[in-house]
Amino acid sequence: GSLRLSCTLSGSTLDIYPIAWFRQAPGKEREGVASISVR
């Protein structure tokens, strides 16, 4: 199946921030999943 996750930023404008998604399963280290650059 499929899901779409959303991440909304407040307090500034999103267009100056690199953003990444991480995930962490029980008993495991947090790992990077995906990232998107600014420029």
PDB file of all heavy atoms in Angstrom:
ATOM      1  N   GLY A   1       0.801  -1.203   0.000  1.00  0.00           N
ATOM      2  CA  GLY A   1       0.000   0.000   0.000  1.00  0.00           C
ATOM      3  C   GLY A   1       0.840   1.261   0.000  1.00  0.00           C
ATOM      4  O   GLY A   1       2.068   1.219  -0.057  1.00  0.00           O
ATOM      5  N   SER A   2       0.148   2.405   0.094  1.00  0.00           N
ATOM      6  CA  SER A   2       0.788   3.711   0.018  1.00  0.00           C
ATOM      7  C   SER A   2       0.300   4.632   1.118  1.00  0.00           C
ATOM      8  O   SER A   2      -0.831   4.513   1.596  1.00  0.00           O
ATOM      9  CB  SER A   2       0.496   4.379  -1.334  1.00  0.00           C
ATOM     10  OG  SER A   2       1.006   3.625  -2.417  1.00  0.00           O
ATOM     11  N   LEU A   3       1.163   5.551   1.514  1.00  0.00           N
ATOM     12  CA  LEU A   3       0.832   6.637   2.419  1.00  0.00           C
ATOM     13  C   LEU A   3       1.573   7.883   1.967  1.00  0.00           C
ATOM     14  O   LEU A   3       2.648   7.789   1.377  1.00  0.00           O
ATOM     15  CB  LEU A   3       1.230   6.323   3.862  1.00  0.00           C
ATOM     16  CG  LEU A   3       0.401   5.326   4.664  1.00  0.00           C
ATOM     17  CD1 LEU A   3       1.089   5.051   5.998  1.00  0.00           C
ATOM     18  CD2 LEU A   3      -1.006   5.854   4.896  1.00  0.00           C
ATOM     19  N   ARG A   4       1.001   9.041   2.270  1.00  0.00           N
ATOM     20  CA  ARG A   4       1.695  10.304   2.058  1.00  0.00           C
ATOM     21  C   ARG A   4       1.802  11.037   3.386  1.00  0.00           C
ATOM     22  O   ARG A   4       0.791  11.378   4.008  1.00  0.00           O
ATOM     23  CB  ARG A   4       0.981  11.183   1.033  1.00  0.00           C
ATOM     24  CG  ARG A   4       1.610  12.580   0.906  1.00  0.00           C
ATOM     25  CD  ARG A   4       1.084  13.371  -0.274  1.00  0.00           C
ATOM     26  NE  ARG A   4       1.673  12.896  -1.524  1.00  0.00           N
ATOM     27  CZ  ARG A   4       1.635  13.578  -2.672  1.00  0.00           C
ATOM     28  NH1 ARG A   4       1.027  14.754  -2.734  1.00  0.00           N
ATOM     29  NH2 ARG A   4       2.185  13.056  -3.755  1.00  0.00           N
ATOM     30  N   LEU A   5       3.026  11.287   3.824  1.00  0.00           N
ATOM     31  CA  LEU A   5       3.285  12.044   5.035  1.00  0.00           C
ATOM     32  C   LEU A   5       3.475  13.514   4.698  1.00  0.00           C
ATOM     33  O   LEU A   5       4.016  13.855   3.640  1.00  0.00           O
ATOM     34  CB  LEU A   5       4.533  11.522   5.748  1.00  0.00           C
ATOM     35  CG  LEU A   5       4.574  10.028   6.059  1.00  0.00           C
ATOM     36  CD1 LEU A   5       5.846   9.693   6.830  1.00  0.00           C
ATOM     37  CD2 LEU A   5       3.339   9.594   6.833  1.00  0.00           C
ATOM     38  N   SER A   6       3.040  14.384   5.613  1.00  0.00           N
ATOM     39  CA  SER A   6       3.195  15.818   5.450  1.00  0.00           C
ATOM     40  C   SER A   6       3.987  16.388   6.612  1.00  0.00           C
ATOM     41  O   SER A   6       3.873  15.921   7.745  1.00  0.00           O
ATOM     42  CB  SER A   6       1.830  16.517   5.387  1.00  0.00           C
ATOM     43  OG  SER A   6       1.068  16.068   4.293  1.00  0.00           O
ATOM     44  N   CYS A   7       4.774  17.416   6.330  1.00  0.00           N
ATOM     45  CA  CYS A   7       5.559  18.123   7.335  1.00  0.00           C
ATOM     46  C   CYS A   7       5.410  19.607   7.068  1.00  0.00           C
ATOM     47  O   CYS A   7       5.884  20.107   6.044  1.00  0.00           O
ATOM     48  CB  CYS A   7       7.027  17.691   7.259  1.00  0.00           C
ATOM     49  SG  CYS A   7       8.152  18.651   8.288  1.00  0.00           S
ATOM     50  N   THR A   8       4.751  20.314   7.979  1.00  0.00           N
ATOM     51  CA  THR A   8       4.493  21.735   7.803  1.00  0.00           C
ATOM     52  C   THR A   8       5.370  22.552   8.742  1.00  0.00           C
ATOM     53  O   THR A   8       5.431  22.287   9.944  1.00  0.00           O
ATOM     54  CB  THR A   8       3.014  22.053   8.054  1.00  0.00           C
ATOM     55  OG1 THR A   8       2.207  21.346   7.110  1.00  0.00           O
ATOM     56  CG2 THR A   8       2.748  23.546   7.888  1.00  0.00           C
ATOM     57  N   LEU A   9       6.041  23.558   8.183  1.00  0.00           N
ATOM     58  CA  LEU A   9       6.929  24.431   8.944  1.00  0.00           C
ATOM     59  C   LEU A   9       6.211  25.727   9.291  1.00  0.00           C
ATOM     60  O   LEU A   9       5.496  26.298   8.459  1.00  0.00           O
ATOM     61  CB  LEU A   9       8.195  24.721   8.134  1.00  0.00           C
ATOM     62  CG  LEU A   9       9.260  25.624   8.758  1.00  0.00           C
ATOM     63  CD1 LEU A   9      10.653  25.171   8.344  1.00  0.00           C
ATOM     64  CD2 LEU A   9       9.048  27.080   8.342  1.00  0.00           C
ATOM     65  N   SER A  10       6.407  26.199  10.510  1.00  0.00           N
ATOM     66  CA  SER A  10       5.897  27.501  10.935  1.00  0.00           C
ATOM     67  C   SER A  10       7.020  28.293  11.590  1.00  0.00           C
ATOM     68  O   SER A  10       8.019  27.729  12.030  1.00  0.00           O
ATOM     69  CB  SER A  10       4.713  27.349  11.889  1.00  0.00           C
ATOM     70  OG  SER A  10       5.105  26.685  13.084  1.00  0.00           O
ATOM     71  N   GLY A  11       6.859  29.606  11.652  1.00  0.00           N
ATOM     72  CA  GLY A  11       7.849  30.476  12.265  1.00  0.00           C
ATOM     73  C   GLY A  11       8.875  31.028  11.295  1.00  0.00           C
ATOM     74  O   GLY A  11       9.666  31.899  11.672  1.00  0.00           O
ATOM     75  N   SER A  12       8.879  30.546  10.078  1.00  0.00           N
ATOM     76  CA  SER A  12       9.772  31.031   9.039  1.00  0.00           C
ATOM     77  C   SER A  12       9.225  30.567   7.700  1.00  0.00           C
ATOM     78  O   SER A  12       8.126  30.016   7.631  1.00  0.00           O
ATOM     79  CB  SER A  12      11.200  30.527   9.268  1.00  0.00           C
ATOM     80  OG  SER A  12      12.102  31.143   8.356  1.00  0.00           O
ATOM     81  N   THR A  13       9.991  30.777   6.651  1.00  0.00           N
ATOM     82  CA  THR A  13       9.582  30.333   5.320  1.00  0.00           C
ATOM     83  C   THR A  13      10.347  29.068   4.957  1.00  0.00           C
ATOM     84  O   THR A  13      11.560  28.980   5.134  1.00  0.00           O
ATOM     85  CB  THR A  13       9.819  31.415   4.264  1.00  0.00           C
ATOM     86  OG1 THR A  13      11.190  31.839   4.316  1.00  0.00           O
ATOM     87  CG2 THR A  13       8.923  32.618   4.518  1.00  0.00           C
ATOM     88  N   LEU A  14       9.632  28.096   4.425  1.00  0.00           N
ATOM     89  CA  LEU A  14      10.217  26.801   4.122  1.00  0.00           C
ATOM     90  C   LEU A  14      11.339  26.889   3.100  1.00  0.00           C
ATOM     91  O   LEU A  14      12.272  26.078   3.138  1.00  0.00           O
ATOM     92  CB  LEU A  14       9.117  25.865   3.618  1.00  0.00           C
ATOM     93  CG  LEU A  14       9.544  24.457   3.236  1.00  0.00           C
ATOM     94  CD1 LEU A  14      10.019  23.684   4.458  1.00  0.00           C
ATOM     95  CD2 LEU A  14       8.398  23.724   2.553  1.00  0.00           C
ATOM     96  N   ASP A  15      11.283  27.865   2.206  1.00  0.00           N
ATOM     97  CA  ASP A  15      12.187  27.880   1.063  1.00  0.00           C
ATOM     98  C   ASP A  15      13.649  28.125   1.404  1.00  0.00           C
ATOM     99  O   ASP A  15      14.499  28.064   0.505  1.00  0.00           O
ATOM    100  CB  ASP A  15      11.711  28.872  -0.005  1.00  0.00           C
ATOM    101  CG  ASP A  15      11.641  30.308   0.488  1.00  0.00           C
ATOM    102  OD1 ASP A  15      12.047  30.592   1.630  1.00  0.00           O
ATOM    103  OD2 ASP A  15      11.169  31.163  -0.294  1.00  0.00           O
ATOM    104  N   ILE A  16      13.992  28.381   2.664  1.00  0.00           N
ATOM    105  CA  ILE A  16      15.391  28.536   3.049  1.00  0.00           C
ATOM    106  C   ILE A  16      15.918  27.337   3.835  1.00  0.00           C
ATOM    107  O   ILE A  16      17.096  27.320   4.215  1.00  0.00           O
ATOM    108  CB  ILE A  16      15.632  29.827   3.859  1.00  0.00           C
ATOM    109  CG1 ILE A  16      14.902  29.793   5.199  1.00  0.00           C
ATOM    110  CG2 ILE A  16      15.216  31.054   3.047  1.00  0.00           C
ATOM    111  CD1 ILE A  16      15.270  30.933   6.129  1.00  0.00           C
ATOM    112  N   TYR A  17      15.089  26.330   4.070  1.00  0.00           N
ATOM    113  CA  TYR A  17      15.486  25.207   4.916  1.00  0.00           C
ATOM    114  C   TYR A  17      15.592  23.899   4.146  1.00  0.00           C
ATOM    115  O   TYR A  17      14.611  23.447   3.545  1.00  0.00           O
ATOM    116  CB  TYR A  17      14.486  25.006   6.053  1.00  0.00           C
ATOM    117  CG  TYR A  17      14.551  26.066   7.120  1.00  0.00           C
ATOM    118  CD1 TYR A  17      13.702  27.172   7.080  1.00  0.00           C
ATOM    119  CD2 TYR A  17      15.467  25.966   8.158  1.00  0.00           C
ATOM    120  CE1 TYR A  17      13.775  28.150   8.057  1.00  0.00           C
ATOM    121  CE2 TYR A  17      15.538  26.946   9.138  1.00  0.00           C
ATOM    122  CZ  TYR A  17      14.688  28.034   9.081  1.00  0.00           C
ATOM    123  OH  TYR A  17      14.763  29.001  10.050  1.00  0.00           O
ATOM    124  N   PRO A  18      16.752  23.263   4.186  1.00  0.00           N
ATOM    125  CA  PRO A  18      16.810  21.866   3.738  1.00  0.00           C
ATOM    126  C   PRO A  18      16.005  21.000   4.698  1.00  0.00           C
ATOM    127  O   PRO A  18      16.077  21.185   5.916  1.00  0.00           O
ATOM    128  CB  PRO A  18      18.301  21.520   3.823  1.00  0.00           C
ATOM    129  CG  PRO A  18      19.018  22.832   3.950  1.00  0.00           C
ATOM    130  CD  PRO A  18      18.055  23.749   4.649  1.00  0.00           C
ATOM    131  N   ILE A  19      15.246  20.060   4.165  1.00  0.00           N
ATOM    132  CA  ILE A  19      14.371  19.223   4.978  1.00  0.00           C
ATOM    133  C   ILE A  19      14.689  17.758   4.708  1.00  0.00           C
ATOM    134  O   ILE A  19      14.937  17.363   3.569  1.00  0.00           O
ATOM    135  CB  ILE A  19      12.889  19.501   4.677  1.00  0.00           C
ATOM    136  CG1 ILE A  19      12.537  20.969   4.943  1.00  0.00           C
ATOM    137  CG2 ILE A  19      11.990  18.583   5.510  1.00  0.00           C
ATOM    138  CD1 ILE A  19      12.612  21.373   6.405  1.00  0.00           C
ATOM    139  N   ALA A  20      14.631  16.960   5.769  1.00  0.00           N
ATOM    140  CA  ALA A  20      14.839  15.526   5.644  1.00  0.00           C
ATOM    141  C   ALA A  20      13.787  14.767   6.426  1.00  0.00           C
ATOM    142  O   ALA A  20      13.201  15.289   7.379  1.00  0.00           O
ATOM    143  CB  ALA A  20      16.232  15.132   6.132  1.00  0.00           C
ATOM    144  N   TRP A  21      13.549  13.537   6.006  1.00  0.00           N
ATOM    145  CA  TRP A  21      12.750  12.585   6.753  1.00  0.00           C
ATOM    146  C   TRP A  21      13.663  11.510   7.327  1.00  0.00           C
ATOM    147  O   TRP A  21      14.524  10.976   6.615  1.00  0.00           O
ATOM    148  CB  TRP A  21      11.688  11.926   5.879  1.00  0.00           C
ATOM    149  CG  TRP A  21      10.547  12.817   5.515  1.00  0.00           C
ATOM    150  CD1 TRP A  21      10.424  13.582   4.404  1.00  0.00           C
ATOM    151  CD2 TRP A  21       9.355  13.022   6.285  1.00  0.00           C
ATOM    152  NE1 TRP A  21       9.223  14.257   4.418  1.00  0.00           N
ATOM    153  CE2 TRP A  21       8.544  13.928   5.565  1.00  0.00           C
ATOM    154  CE3 TRP A  21       8.893  12.523   7.505  1.00  0.00           C
ATOM    155  CZ2 TRP A  21       7.304  14.344   6.029  1.00  0.00           C
ATOM    156  CZ3 TRP A  21       7.650  12.947   7.959  1.00  0.00           C
ATOM    157  CH2 TRP A  21       6.877  13.846   7.225  1.00  0.00           C
ATOM    158  N   PHE A  22      13.457  11.208   8.600  1.00  0.00           N
ATOM    159  CA  PHE A  22      14.135  10.124   9.289  1.00  0.00           C
ATOM    160  C   PHE A  22      13.090   9.152   9.816  1.00  0.00           C
ATOM    161  O   PHE A  22      11.912   9.487   9.942  1.00  0.00           O
ATOM    162  CB  PHE A  22      14.976  10.651  10.458  1.00  0.00           C
ATOM    163  CG  PHE A  22      16.156  11.493  10.042  1.00  0.00           C
ATOM    164  CD1 PHE A  22      15.991  12.826   9.691  1.00  0.00           C
ATOM    165  CD2 PHE A  22      17.426  10.952  10.006  1.00  0.00           C
ATOM    166  CE1 PHE A  22      17.069  13.605   9.310  1.00  0.00           C
ATOM    167  CE2 PHE A  22      18.520  11.721   9.631  1.00  0.00           C
ATOM    168  CZ  PHE A  22      18.337  13.044   9.282  1.00  0.00           C
ATOM    169  N   ARG A  23      13.532   7.948  10.152  1.00  0.00           N
ATOM    170  CA  ARG A  23      12.633   6.989  10.780  1.00  0.00           C
ATOM    171  C   ARG A  23      13.386   6.192  11.832  1.00  0.00           C
ATOM    172  O   ARG A  23      14.599   6.018  11.763  1.00  0.00           O
ATOM    173  CB  ARG A  23      11.996   6.053   9.751  1.00  0.00           C
ATOM    174  CG  ARG A  23      12.964   5.125   9.045  1.00  0.00           C
ATOM    175  CD  ARG A  23      12.244   4.347   7.949  1.00  0.00           C
ATOM    176  NE  ARG A  23      13.140   3.426   7.255  1.00  0.00           N
ATOM    177  CZ  ARG A  23      12.781   2.718   6.189  1.00  0.00           C
ATOM    178  NH1 ARG A  23      11.546   2.823   5.692  1.00  0.00           N
ATOM    179  NH2 ARG A  23      13.665   1.897   5.619  1.00  0.00           N
ATOM    180  N   GLN A  24      12.623   5.701  12.804  1.00  0.00           N
ATOM    181  CA  GLN A  24      13.213   4.912  13.875  1.00  0.00           C
ATOM    182  C   GLN A  24      12.230   3.828  14.300  1.00  0.00           C
ATOM    183  O   GLN A  24      11.126   4.132  14.744  1.00  0.00           O
ATOM    184  CB  GLN A  24      13.588   5.778  15.070  1.00  0.00           C
ATOM    185  CG  GLN A  24      14.358   5.032  16.142  1.00  0.00           C
ATOM    186  CD  GLN A  24      14.980   5.960  17.161  1.00  0.00           C
ATOM    187  OE1 GLN A  24      14.516   7.075  17.357  1.00  0.00           O
ATOM    188  NE2 GLN A  24      16.046   5.501  17.799  1.00  0.00           N
ATOM    189  N   ALA A  25      12.650   2.578  14.153  1.00  0.00           N
ATOM    190  CA  ALA A  25      11.873   1.436  14.600  1.00  0.00           C
ATOM    191  C   ALA A  25      12.320   1.051  16.001  1.00  0.00           C
ATOM    192  O   ALA A  25      13.449   1.340  16.404  1.00  0.00           O
ATOM    193  CB  ALA A  25      12.055   0.266  13.639  1.00  0.00           C
ATOM    194  N   PRO A  26      11.444   0.382  16.770  1.00  0.00           N
ATOM    195  CA  PRO A  26      11.823  -0.022  18.128  1.00  0.00           C
ATOM    196  C   PRO A  26      13.105  -0.844  18.139  1.00  0.00           C
ATOM    197  O   PRO A  26      13.264  -1.784  17.359  1.00  0.00           O
ATOM    198  CB  PRO A  26      10.628  -0.850  18.592  1.00  0.00           C
ATOM    199  CG  PRO A  26       9.480  -0.309  17.812  1.00  0.00           C
ATOM    200  CD  PRO A  26      10.052   0.031  16.467  1.00  0.00           C
ATOM    201  N   GLY A  27      14.035  -0.476  19.018  1.00  0.00           N
ATOM    202  CA  GLY A  27      15.280  -1.198  19.148  1.00  0.00           C
ATOM    203  C   GLY A  27      16.314  -0.904  18.081  1.00  0.00           C
ATOM    204  O   GLY A  27      17.386  -1.523  18.090  1.00  0.00           O
ATOM    205  N   LYS A  28      16.017   0.017  17.166  1.00  0.00           N
ATOM    206  CA  LYS A  28      16.947   0.347  16.099  1.00  0.00           C
ATOM    207  C   LYS A  28      17.346   1.817  16.166  1.00  0.00           C
ATOM    208  O   LYS A  28      16.657   2.632  16.773  1.00  0.00           O
ATOM    209  CB  LYS A  28      16.336   0.038  14.731  1.00  0.00           C
ATOM    210  CG  LYS A  28      16.069  -1.436  14.478  1.00  0.00           C
ATOM    211  CD  LYS A  28      15.592  -1.667  13.055  1.00  0.00           C
ATOM    212  CE  LYS A  28      15.404  -3.143  12.761  1.00  0.00           C
ATOM    213  NZ  LYS A  28      14.963  -3.371  11.365  1.00  0.00           N
ATOM    214  N   GLU A  29      18.460   2.140  15.530  1.00  0.00           N
ATOM    215  CA  GLU A  29      18.919   3.514  15.458  1.00  0.00           C
ATOM    216  C   GLU A  29      18.075   4.309  14.469  1.00  0.00           C
ATOM    217  O   GLU A  29      17.507   3.766  13.526  1.00  0.00           O
ATOM    218  CB  GLU A  29      20.389   3.566  15.040  1.00  0.00           C
ATOM    219  CG  GLU A  29      21.340   2.939  16.032  1.00  0.00           C
ATOM    220  CD  GLU A  29      22.779   3.055  15.591  1.00  0.00           C
ATOM    221  OE1 GLU A  29      23.026   3.390  14.413  1.00  0.00           O
ATOM    222  OE2 GLU A  29      23.671   2.813  16.429  1.00  0.00           O
ATOM    223  N   ARG A  30      18.001   5.615  14.709  1.00  0.00           N
ATOM    224  CA  ARG A  30      17.322   6.494  13.773  1.00  0.00           C
ATOM    225  C   ARG A  30      18.129   6.580  12.477  1.00  0.00           C
ATOM    226  O   ARG A  30      19.347   6.771  12.498  1.00  0.00           O
ATOM    227  CB  ARG A  30      17.144   7.877  14.389  1.00  0.00           C
ATOM    228  CG  ARG A  30      16.290   8.816  13.566  1.00  0.00           C
ATOM    229  CD  ARG A  30      15.884  10.048  14.375  1.00  0.00           C
ATOM    230  NE  ARG A  30      15.064   9.683  15.519  1.00  0.00           N
ATOM    231  CZ  ARG A  30      14.417  10.561  16.277  1.00  0.00           C
ATOM    232  NH1 ARG A  30      14.498  11.860  16.015  1.00  0.00           N
ATOM    233  NH2 ARG A  30      13.691  10.143  17.310  1.00  0.00           N
ATOM    234  N   GLU A  31      17.446   6.442  11.341  1.00  0.00           N
ATOM    235  CA  GLU A  31      18.125   6.456  10.057  1.00  0.00           C
ATOM    236  C   GLU A  31      17.511   7.495   9.129  1.00  0.00           C
ATOM    237  O   GLU A  31      16.304   7.741   9.154  1.00  0.00           O
ATOM    238  CB  GLU A  31      18.073   5.076   9.390  1.00  0.00           C
ATOM    239  CG  GLU A  31      16.690   4.615   9.000  1.00  0.00           C
ATOM    240  CD  GLU A  31      16.680   3.372   8.128  1.00  0.00           C
ATOM    241  OE1 GLU A  31      17.731   3.053   7.522  1.00  0.00           O
ATOM    242  OE2 GLU A  31      15.624   2.715   8.049  1.00  0.00           O
ATOM    243  N   GLY A  32      18.346   8.088   8.301  1.00  0.00           N
ATOM    244  CA  GLY A  32      17.866   9.013   7.296  1.00  0.00           C
ATOM    245  C   GLY A  32      17.155   8.278   6.179  1.00  0.00           C
ATOM    246  O   GLY A  32      17.606   7.226   5.722  1.00  0.00           O
ATOM    247  N   VAL A  33      16.041   8.822   5.719  1.00  0.00           N
ATOM    248  CA  VAL A  33      15.234   8.225   4.665  1.00  0.00           C
ATOM    249  C   VAL A  33      15.363   9.004   3.365  1.00  0.00           C
ATOM    250  O   VAL A  33      15.653   8.436   2.306  1.00  0.00           O
ATOM    251  CB  VAL A  33      13.760   8.130   5.088  1.00  0.00           C
ATOM    252  CG1 VAL A  33      12.903   7.597   3.943  1.00  0.00           C
ATOM    253  CG2 VAL A  33      13.616   7.261   6.328  1.00  0.00           C
ATOM    254  N   ALA A  34      15.134  10.314   3.427  1.00  0.00           N
ATOM    255  CA  ALA A  34      15.145  11.147   2.238  1.00  0.00           C
ATOM    256  C   ALA A  34      15.405  12.584   2.640  1.00  0.00           C
ATOM    257  O   ALA A  34      15.115  12.993   3.763  1.00  0.00           O
ATOM    258  CB  ALA A  34      13.814  11.051   1.483  1.00  0.00           C
ATOM    259  N   SER A  35      15.931  13.381   1.715  1.00  0.00           N
ATOM    260  CA  SER A  35      16.165  14.790   1.966  1.00  0.00           C
ATOM    261  C   SER A  35      15.956  15.581   0.687  1.00  0.00           C
ATOM    262  O   SER A  35      16.020  15.031  -0.417  1.00  0.00           O
ATOM    263  CB  SER A  35      17.571  15.044   2.530  1.00  0.00           C
ATOM    264  OG  SER A  35      18.566  14.588   1.632  1.00  0.00           O
ATOM    265  N   ILE A  36      15.707  16.886   0.856  1.00  0.00           N
ATOM    266  CA  ILE A  36      15.507  17.769  -0.286  1.00  0.00           C
ATOM    267  C   ILE A  36      16.225  19.083  -0.016  1.00  0.00           C
ATOM    268  O   ILE A  36      16.123  19.653   1.068  1.00  0.00           O
ATOM    269  CB  ILE A  36      14.004  17.967  -0.584  1.00  0.00           C
ATOM    270  CG1 ILE A  36      13.798  18.792  -1.851  1.00  0.00           C
ATOM    271  CG2 ILE A  36      13.275  18.584   0.611  1.00  0.00           C
ATOM    272  CD1 ILE A  36      12.373  18.706  -2.397  1.00  0.00           C
ATOM    273  N   SER A  37      16.970  19.555  -1.002  1.00  0.00           N
ATOM    274  CA  SER A  37      17.800  20.736  -0.841  1.00  0.00           C
ATOM    275  C   SER A  37      17.004  22.008  -1.075  1.00  0.00           C
ATOM    276  O   SER A  37      15.843  21.991  -1.490  1.00  0.00           O
ATOM    277  CB  SER A  37      19.007  20.676  -1.779  1.00  0.00           C
ATOM    278  OG  SER A  37      18.591  20.746  -3.134  1.00  0.00           O
ATOM    279  N   VAL A  38      17.646  23.152  -0.822  1.00  0.00           N
ATOM    280  CA  VAL A  38      16.991  24.458  -0.914  1.00  0.00           C
ATOM    281  C   VAL A  38      17.079  25.041  -2.312  1.00  0.00           C
ATOM    282  O   VAL A  38      16.057  25.377  -2.921  1.00  0.00           O
ATOM    283  CB  VAL A  38      17.595  25.447   0.094  1.00  0.00           C
ATOM    284  CG1 VAL A  38      17.035  26.848  -0.127  1.00  0.00           C
ATOM    285  CG2 VAL A  38      17.320  24.990   1.519  1.00  0.00           C
ATOM    286  N   ARG A  39      18.293  25.193  -2.835  1.00  0.00           N
ATOM    287  CA  ARG A  39      18.515  26.005  -4.026  1.00  0.00           C
ATOM    288  C   ARG A  39      17.972  25.394  -5.300  1.00  0.00           C
ATOM    289  O   ARG A  39      17.435  26.103  -6.146  1.00  0.00           O
ATOM    290  CB  ARG A  39      20.003  26.304  -4.168  1.00  0.00           C
ATOM    291  CG  ARG A  39      20.558  27.112  -3.010  1.00  0.00           C
ATOM    292  CD  ARG A  39      21.951  27.613  -3.302  1.00  0.00           C
ATOM    293  NE  ARG A  39      22.472  28.382  -2.179  1.00  0.00           N
ATOM    294  CZ  ARG A  39      22.205  29.660  -1.968  1.00  0.00           C
ATOM    295  NH1 ARG A  39      21.426  30.334  -2.807  1.00  0.00           N
ATOM    296  NH2 ARG A  39      22.721  30.284  -0.911  1.00  0.00           N
TER     297      ARG A  39
END
